[in-house]
Protein backbone atom coordinates (compact mmCIF):
# COMPACT_ATOMS: atom_id res chain seq x y z
CA MET A 1 61.08 -23.47 21.81
CA ALA A 2 57.83 -24.52 20.48
CA VAL A 3 56.38 -23.65 24.39
CA ALA A 4 57.58 -20.37 23.92
CA LEU A 5 56.29 -19.77 20.45
CA ALA A 6 52.64 -20.81 21.88
CA LEU A 7 53.24 -18.08 24.74
CA SER A 8 53.82 -15.42 23.06
CA THR A 9 51.09 -16.18 20.37
CA VAL A 10 48.86 -16.42 22.95
CA CYS A 11 49.95 -13.19 24.85
CA LEU A 12 50.28 -11.58 21.26
CA MET A 13 45.89 -12.93 20.92
CA SER A 14 45.15 -11.22 23.91
CA ALA A 15 46.32 -8.14 23.15
CA GLN A 16 44.26 -7.47 19.88
CA PRO A 17 40.96 -5.85 20.49
CA ARG A 18 37.63 -8.10 20.54
CA VAL A 19 35.57 -7.32 17.57
CA LEU A 20 32.56 -5.83 18.26
CA ARG A 21 30.15 -7.20 15.05
CA TRP A 22 27.22 -4.62 13.97
CA ALA A 23 24.91 -4.76 11.40
CA GLY A 24 23.66 -1.74 9.38
CA ASP A 25 22.50 -1.39 5.56
CA PRO A 26 24.63 1.62 3.72
CA GLU A 27 21.59 1.38 1.19
CA GLY A 28 20.03 3.40 3.42
CA GLY A 29 21.90 6.16 2.94
CA ALA A 30 23.25 9.15 5.28
CA PRO A 31 22.98 10.03 8.14
CA PHE A 32 22.38 6.68 8.97
CA VAL A 33 25.01 4.45 7.60
CA GLU A 34 26.74 4.98 3.84
CA ALA A 35 29.51 4.28 1.77
CA ASP A 36 32.24 7.14 2.07
CA PRO A 37 32.43 8.58 -0.98
CA ALA A 38 35.98 8.83 -0.52
CA HIS A 39 36.70 5.57 0.73
CA PRO A 40 34.08 3.21 -0.88
CA ASP A 41 35.20 0.45 1.31
CA THR A 42 34.40 1.70 4.60
CA VAL A 43 30.73 3.03 6.16
CA VAL A 44 30.60 6.72 7.67
CA GLY A 45 27.37 7.85 9.62
CA PHE A 46 25.93 8.61 13.27
CA ASP A 47 25.00 4.62 13.76
CA VAL A 48 28.42 4.26 12.52
CA ASP A 49 29.92 6.96 15.20
CA VAL A 50 27.77 5.07 17.54
CA ALA A 51 28.42 1.90 17.11
CA ALA A 52 32.14 2.56 17.79
CA LEU A 53 31.47 4.59 20.94
CA LEU A 54 29.45 1.17 22.20
CA ALA A 55 32.55 -0.63 21.14
CA ARG A 56 35.06 1.89 22.53
CA GLY A 57 33.00 1.74 25.67
CA LEU A 58 33.41 -2.49 25.78
CA ASP A 59 37.24 -2.33 24.81
CA ARG A 60 36.74 -3.59 21.64
CA ARG A 61 36.42 -2.66 17.89
CA ALA A 62 33.89 -2.02 15.82
CA GLU A 63 33.55 -4.38 12.80
CA PHE A 64 30.65 -3.84 10.10
CA LEU A 65 28.39 -6.09 8.68
CA ASN A 66 26.48 -5.51 5.43
CA ILE A 67 22.43 -6.72 5.83
CA THR A 68 19.95 -5.78 4.04
CA PHE A 69 17.47 -3.61 6.30
CA ALA A 70 14.61 -5.67 6.33
CA SER A 71 16.69 -8.74 7.19
CA ILE A 72 18.93 -7.11 10.06
CA ASP A 73 16.29 -8.60 13.29
CA GLN A 74 16.54 -12.35 11.78
CA SER A 75 20.20 -11.80 11.40
CA ILE A 76 20.64 -10.76 14.66
CA VAL A 77 18.64 -13.14 16.15
CA ARG A 78 20.62 -15.99 14.12
CA GLY A 79 24.16 -14.26 15.34
CA ASP A 80 25.71 -13.02 12.64
CA ALA A 81 26.32 -9.93 14.58
CA GLU A 82 25.94 -8.70 17.91
CA ILE A 83 23.70 -5.69 17.45
CA GLY A 84 21.80 -3.81 14.43
CA LEU A 85 22.16 -0.20 14.67
CA SER A 86 20.89 1.59 10.98
CA GLY A 87 17.88 3.23 11.95
CA ILE A 88 15.79 1.01 13.70
CA GLU A 89 12.77 1.65 15.38
CA ASP A 90 11.75 0.76 18.49
CA THR A 91 8.53 -0.52 17.79
CA PRO A 92 6.11 -3.15 20.90
CA ALA A 93 6.73 -5.99 18.83
CA ARG A 94 10.53 -5.64 18.70
CA ARG A 95 10.74 -5.11 22.36
CA THR A 96 8.68 -8.44 22.47
CA THR A 97 10.88 -10.66 20.44
CA LEU A 98 14.66 -9.22 21.01
CA ALA A 99 17.00 -7.71 23.48
CA VAL A 100 16.39 -3.67 22.60
CA THR A 101 18.70 -0.58 23.95
CA MET A 102 17.48 2.36 25.40
CA PRO A 103 16.44 4.82 23.22
CA TYR A 104 18.83 7.41 21.64
CA TYR A 105 17.23 9.32 19.28
CA GLU A 106 13.63 10.56 18.94
CA PHE A 107 12.15 10.95 15.74
CA ARG A 108 8.93 12.70 14.19
CA GLU A 109 6.76 11.06 11.77
CA VAL A 110 5.71 13.44 9.34
CA LEU A 111 3.45 14.15 6.52
CA SER A 112 5.40 15.67 3.21
CA VAL A 113 2.55 16.48 0.29
CA ARG A 114 3.62 18.79 -3.05
CA ASP A 115 3.93 22.10 -2.61
CA ALA A 116 0.63 23.00 -4.72
CA ASP A 117 -1.10 20.50 -1.54
CA ALA A 118 0.74 21.94 1.03
CA SER A 119 -2.26 24.66 2.10
CA ARG A 120 -5.09 22.04 1.98
CA VAL A 121 -3.40 18.85 2.62
CA ARG A 122 -2.31 18.95 6.37
CA SER A 123 -2.84 15.89 7.74
CA LEU A 124 -4.36 12.06 7.21
CA ALA A 125 -7.63 12.97 7.59
CA ASP A 126 -7.00 15.40 4.56
CA LEU A 127 -6.11 12.46 2.00
CA ARG A 128 -9.41 9.90 2.19
CA GLY A 129 -9.38 8.61 -0.90
CA LYS A 130 -5.78 9.52 -2.08
CA THR A 131 -2.38 7.39 -2.05
CA VAL A 132 0.63 8.06 0.97
CA GLY A 133 3.65 6.13 0.75
CA THR A 134 6.02 5.24 3.08
CA LEU A 135 8.66 2.60 3.99
CA ALA A 136 7.62 -1.38 4.54
CA GLY A 137 8.06 -2.37 7.94
CA THR A 138 7.86 0.93 10.05
CA ILE A 139 6.02 2.62 12.45
CA ALA A 140 4.58 4.83 9.53
CA HIS A 141 3.61 2.00 7.43
CA GLU A 142 1.35 0.71 10.46
CA ILE A 143 -0.29 4.31 11.44
CA LEU A 144 -1.31 3.90 7.62
CA LEU A 145 -2.38 0.41 7.92
CA ARG A 146 -4.85 2.11 10.24
CA ALA A 147 -5.76 5.35 8.25
CA GLU A 148 -7.04 2.75 5.17
CA ARG A 149 -8.93 1.19 7.43
CA ASP A 150 -10.38 4.24 9.24
CA GLN A 151 -10.54 6.75 6.94
CA GLY A 152 -10.49 5.19 3.56
CA VAL A 153 -6.05 6.16 2.42
CA HIS A 154 -4.35 4.05 -0.14
CA VAL A 155 -1.35 2.49 0.93
CA VAL A 156 1.64 2.45 -1.17
CA SER A 157 4.59 0.69 0.32
CA TYR A 158 8.50 0.81 -1.04
CA GLU A 159 11.93 -0.75 0.07
CA ASP A 160 13.71 2.44 0.02
CA ASP A 161 13.44 6.28 1.30
CA VAL A 162 14.19 7.70 -2.29
CA HIS A 163 11.00 6.53 -4.19
CA PRO A 164 8.42 7.69 -2.23
CA TYR A 165 9.33 11.51 -2.60
CA SER A 166 10.35 10.97 -6.27
CA ASP A 167 7.13 9.70 -7.03
CA LEU A 168 5.33 11.98 -4.90
CA VAL A 169 7.26 14.63 -6.70
CA ILE A 170 6.26 13.36 -10.32
CA GLY A 171 2.00 12.65 -8.96
CA ARG A 172 2.07 8.88 -8.51
CA THR A 173 1.22 9.32 -4.46
CA ASP A 174 -0.45 12.14 -2.58
CA ALA A 175 1.72 12.28 0.18
CA VAL A 176 4.29 10.50 1.69
CA LEU A 177 4.36 9.69 5.76
CA LEU A 178 7.74 8.38 7.51
CA ASP A 179 10.28 10.20 10.63
CA ASN A 180 11.58 13.52 9.71
CA VAL A 181 15.07 12.55 9.47
CA LEU A 182 14.26 11.02 6.49
CA ALA A 183 11.95 13.60 5.39
CA GLU A 184 14.59 16.07 5.77
CA ARG A 185 17.30 14.33 4.05
CA ARG A 186 15.34 13.84 1.39
CA HIS A 187 14.12 17.65 1.17
CA ARG A 188 17.78 19.06 1.02
CA ASN A 189 18.67 17.41 -2.49
CA MET A 190 14.96 16.66 -4.08
CA PRO A 191 12.47 20.14 -4.55
CA GLY A 192 9.26 19.75 -5.21
CA PHE A 193 6.99 19.03 -1.73
CA THR A 194 6.65 20.51 2.02
CA ILE A 195 6.95 18.91 4.97
CA GLN A 196 3.79 19.91 7.33
CA PRO A 197 5.16 20.84 10.69
CA GLN A 198 2.32 19.00 12.72
CA THR A 199 3.66 15.41 14.35
CA VAL A 200 1.83 12.18 13.62
CA ALA A 201 3.65 10.00 15.64
CA ILE A 202 7.11 10.03 18.40
CA GLY A 203 9.26 7.19 17.84
CA HIS A 204 12.92 6.56 19.02
CA TYR A 205 15.58 4.96 16.86
CA VAL A 206 17.46 1.59 19.24
CA GLY A 207 20.11 -0.92 18.71
CA VAL A 208 18.81 -4.31 18.59
CA LEU A 209 20.37 -7.62 20.19
CA ALA A 210 19.43 -11.13 20.26
CA PRO A 211 16.65 -12.02 23.07
CA GLY A 212 19.55 -14.25 24.55
CA ASN A 213 22.00 -11.32 24.60
CA ALA A 214 20.16 -8.79 27.57
CA PRO A 215 23.32 -8.68 29.42
CA LEU A 216 25.64 -7.45 26.48
CA ARG A 217 22.56 -4.98 26.10
CA ASP A 218 22.46 -4.04 29.58
CA ARG A 219 26.38 -2.51 29.57
CA MET A 220 25.20 -0.84 26.55
CA ASN A 221 22.84 0.82 27.78
CA GLU A 222 25.42 2.17 31.10
CA ILE A 223 27.71 2.98 27.80
CA LEU A 224 24.86 5.25 26.23
CA ARG A 225 24.00 7.06 29.42
CA THR A 226 27.37 8.06 30.02
CA ALA A 227 27.59 9.85 26.55
CA MET A 228 24.25 11.14 27.46
CA ARG A 229 25.71 12.91 30.40
CA ASP A 230 29.07 13.66 29.04
CA GLY A 231 27.90 14.95 26.01
CA SER A 232 29.34 12.47 23.31
CA LEU A 233 26.38 11.32 22.13
CA GLU A 234 25.13 15.08 21.24
CA LYS A 235 28.63 15.16 19.23
CA ILE A 236 27.51 12.42 17.07
CA LEU A 237 24.53 13.79 16.18
CA ARG A 238 25.57 17.45 15.80
CA LYS A 239 28.46 16.23 13.56
CA TRP A 240 25.43 14.82 11.62
CA SER A 241 23.42 17.68 12.03
CA VAL A 242 20.59 15.74 13.65
CA TRP A 243 20.48 17.20 16.89
CA ASN A 244 17.42 19.22 17.38
CA ASP A 245 15.58 20.44 20.53
CA ASP A 246 13.91 16.68 20.73
CA GLN A 247 16.88 15.50 22.08
CA PRO A 248 17.49 17.11 25.56
CA PRO A 249 13.78 15.84 26.95
CA LEU A 250 14.35 12.41 25.88
CA TYR A 251 17.91 12.46 27.57
CA ALA A 252 16.41 13.67 30.61
CA LYS A 253 13.80 11.10 30.73
CA ILE A 254 16.25 8.34 30.33
CA LEU A 255 18.97 9.59 32.95
CA SER A 256 16.09 10.28 35.54
CA GLY A 257 14.99 6.88 34.89
CA GLU A 258 11.45 7.20 33.51
CA ASP A 259 10.20 4.57 31.14
CA VAL A 260 9.88 5.79 27.68
CA PRO A 261 7.04 3.86 25.41
CA ALA A 262 8.04 2.44 22.11
CA VAL A 263 5.84 4.95 20.15
CA VAL A 264 4.03 8.19 21.21
CA GLY A 265 0.95 9.26 19.74
CA LEU A 266 0.21 5.87 19.16
CA ASP A 267 -2.21 3.05 20.07
CA THR A 268 -0.22 -0.12 20.55
CA SER A 269 -1.98 -1.79 22.26
CA ALA A 270 -3.93 -4.29 19.54
CA SER A 271 -0.02 -4.41 17.85
CA VAL A 272 0.34 -8.11 16.79
CA ALA A 273 3.43 -8.57 19.31
CA THR A 274 0.29 -8.43 22.29
CA VAL A 275 -1.98 -10.80 20.51
CA SER A 276 -2.02 -14.69 19.78
CA ARG A 277 -0.47 -16.42 16.69
CA TRP A 278 -4.11 -16.99 15.65
CA GLU A 279 -5.66 -13.49 16.24
CA ALA A 280 -2.81 -12.30 13.67
CA ALA A 281 -3.06 -14.28 11.10
CA ARG A 282 -6.73 -13.45 11.23
CA ARG A 283 -5.69 -10.08 10.86
CA TYR A 284 -3.53 -10.25 7.89
CA LEU A 285 -5.96 -12.92 5.98
CA PRO A 286 -7.57 -10.74 3.90
CA SER A 287 -4.36 -8.81 2.91
CA LEU A 288 -2.35 -12.11 2.05
CA LEU A 289 -5.47 -13.24 0.08
CA ARG A 290 -6.28 -9.65 -2.10
CA ALA A 291 -2.16 -10.39 -2.76
CA SER A 292 -2.97 -13.65 -3.81
CA VAL A 293 -5.68 -12.83 -6.30
CA VAL A 294 -3.31 -9.95 -7.46
CA THR A 295 -0.85 -12.60 -8.16
CA ILE A 296 -2.59 -14.77 -9.80
CA VAL A 297 -4.63 -12.31 -11.93
CA LEU A 298 -0.98 -10.81 -13.02
CA SER A 299 0.67 -14.38 -13.69
CA CYS A 300 -2.55 -15.26 -15.97
CA LEU A 301 -2.64 -12.36 -18.25
CA SER A 302 0.96 -11.32 -18.54
CA MET A 303 1.36 -15.55 -19.65
CA GLY A 304 -1.43 -15.39 -22.32
CA LEU A 305 0.08 -11.81 -23.29
CA ALA A 306 3.29 -13.02 -23.48
CA VAL A 307 2.44 -15.90 -25.51
CA ALA A 308 0.68 -13.80 -28.27
CA ILE A 309 4.39 -11.88 -28.30
CA GLY A 310 6.22 -14.96 -28.30
CA VAL A 311 4.46 -16.46 -31.39
CA LEU A 312 4.86 -12.78 -32.78
CA ILE A 313 8.65 -12.91 -32.18
CA ALA A 314 9.25 -16.44 -33.28
CA THR A 315 7.31 -15.96 -35.97
CA GLY A 316 9.70 -13.00 -37.02
CA ARG A 317 12.51 -14.70 -36.19
CA VAL A 318 11.76 -17.69 -39.28
CA TYR A 319 10.40 -15.76 -41.46
CA GLY A 320 11.44 -11.91 -41.39
CA GLY A 321 14.19 -10.42 -43.68
CA PRO A 322 17.79 -10.23 -41.88
CA ILE A 323 17.54 -6.95 -40.08
CA ALA A 324 14.27 -7.98 -38.57
CA ARG A 325 15.53 -11.38 -37.72
CA LEU A 326 19.01 -9.74 -36.07
CA ALA A 327 16.37 -6.98 -34.07
CA LEU A 328 14.23 -10.14 -32.90
CA THR A 329 16.94 -11.72 -31.61
CA ALA A 330 19.32 -9.28 -29.57
CA TYR A 331 16.24 -8.39 -28.41
CA VAL A 332 15.74 -12.18 -27.15
CA GLU A 333 19.14 -11.94 -25.78
CA LEU A 334 18.85 -8.65 -24.15
CA ILE A 335 15.73 -10.04 -22.07
CA ARG A 336 17.07 -13.44 -21.65
CA GLY A 337 20.56 -11.47 -20.03
CA THR A 338 19.26 -8.82 -18.09
CA PRO A 339 17.24 -9.28 -14.60
CA ILE A 340 13.90 -9.13 -14.55
CA LEU A 341 13.53 -7.37 -11.50
CA LEU A 342 16.01 -4.33 -13.07
CA GLN A 343 13.54 -4.49 -16.65
CA LEU A 344 10.78 -3.98 -13.83
CA PHE A 345 12.74 -0.62 -12.11
CA VAL A 346 13.06 0.73 -16.01
CA LEU A 347 9.75 0.40 -16.99
CA TYR A 348 8.05 1.98 -13.63
CA TYR A 349 10.90 4.41 -12.62
CA GLY A 350 13.21 4.77 -15.67
CA LEU A 351 10.10 5.82 -18.42
CA ALA A 352 8.68 8.03 -15.30
CA SER A 353 9.76 11.26 -16.87
CA ALA A 354 7.89 10.34 -20.21
CA ILE A 355 5.09 7.54 -19.86
CA ARG A 356 4.13 7.37 -15.64
CA LEU A 357 2.82 3.43 -15.99
CA PRO A 358 0.36 2.36 -12.90
CA ALA A 359 2.12 0.00 -10.65
CA PHE A 360 0.46 -2.88 -12.17
CA VAL A 361 0.30 -2.24 -15.58
CA ALA A 362 4.01 -1.90 -15.47
CA ALA A 363 4.21 -5.51 -13.71
CA LEU A 364 1.84 -6.68 -16.38
CA LEU A 365 3.61 -5.57 -19.52
CA GLY A 366 7.69 -6.17 -17.98
CA LEU A 367 6.29 -9.79 -17.25
CA ALA A 368 4.71 -10.06 -20.53
CA LEU A 369 7.72 -8.82 -22.02
CA ASN A 370 10.04 -10.90 -20.14
CA TYR A 371 8.39 -14.28 -20.87
CA ALA A 372 7.70 -13.67 -24.30
CA ALA A 373 11.53 -13.47 -25.44
CA TYR A 374 11.37 -17.54 -23.44
CA GLU A 375 7.95 -18.37 -25.26
CA SER A 376 9.77 -17.28 -28.49
CA GLU A 377 12.24 -19.88 -27.90
CA ILE A 378 9.87 -22.29 -26.84
């Protein structure tokens, strides 16, 4: 009886499809990966469909793992998931450190400017001395860092693709450089800016696997080639309204066996992926030193201001009237009971329609007001 039960259990387990666990970030939103408005516990997007396509080709079932975009590469390396798919860009660094699939989508890096500036700001060369926003850790960010050195632009990096465009519209920045998929998505529901037609560079979306997982990557490449031939991939991209005339030439190159570079229109020979660790450290040292100085100055100024405000709060709570004591106590409890990142977010973005605080001033006030609540208790 026990043997029969064990055999039936093994047969049942073997009949169940294996899982292809893939990592993505739904905070990036459609058309890549986002929570389904009708069913918030599930995700939708063209990368969700690409993951399902790969899983079917492997005779598996796709299972989603929610990972912050900036941590997807590290999560794949440590084995949390087998593949990362979330609008991940093909870069020389990724090709060096990870097993990268063949490109399955080609995008263009495009410049967005306010409508009023569209006629006079058409390229990075027109932005000398101006502020340009982008996403951190992207090809666009690398392009802007070079433009900062060569053309005198000031670079501001963000952790999401919403605020670069909202800051552009309200005048905090003068332009945004990102891929056309993100730019067109924001342009559909955020008026006030123009996407310039010129292409700054060309990149590709890929899937990333751990460096030791090359055999699985090769099997996935065959699945993608088949999907390119039979139109399955085109059908997915048309469903999410991202299919365009850039894709057929890309597919023709891949199916003919032609090598597709990670980035077109950007010299990647000096990428940190191709230099020694000491050289990479030397290149980033000036930026790290500048960041350290800003951190030290900001900490000292905010703490000094916090002590002064904290003394006033404490004095009011000891010697003030009932209303003053109640108000100040409520302030202390509110500040101590909410995350400081939320407070900084409200100061910088929440008040933007009324007061556009510079980033340093918003950080200084936010940290000072937060520290003051704790100083008043002391």
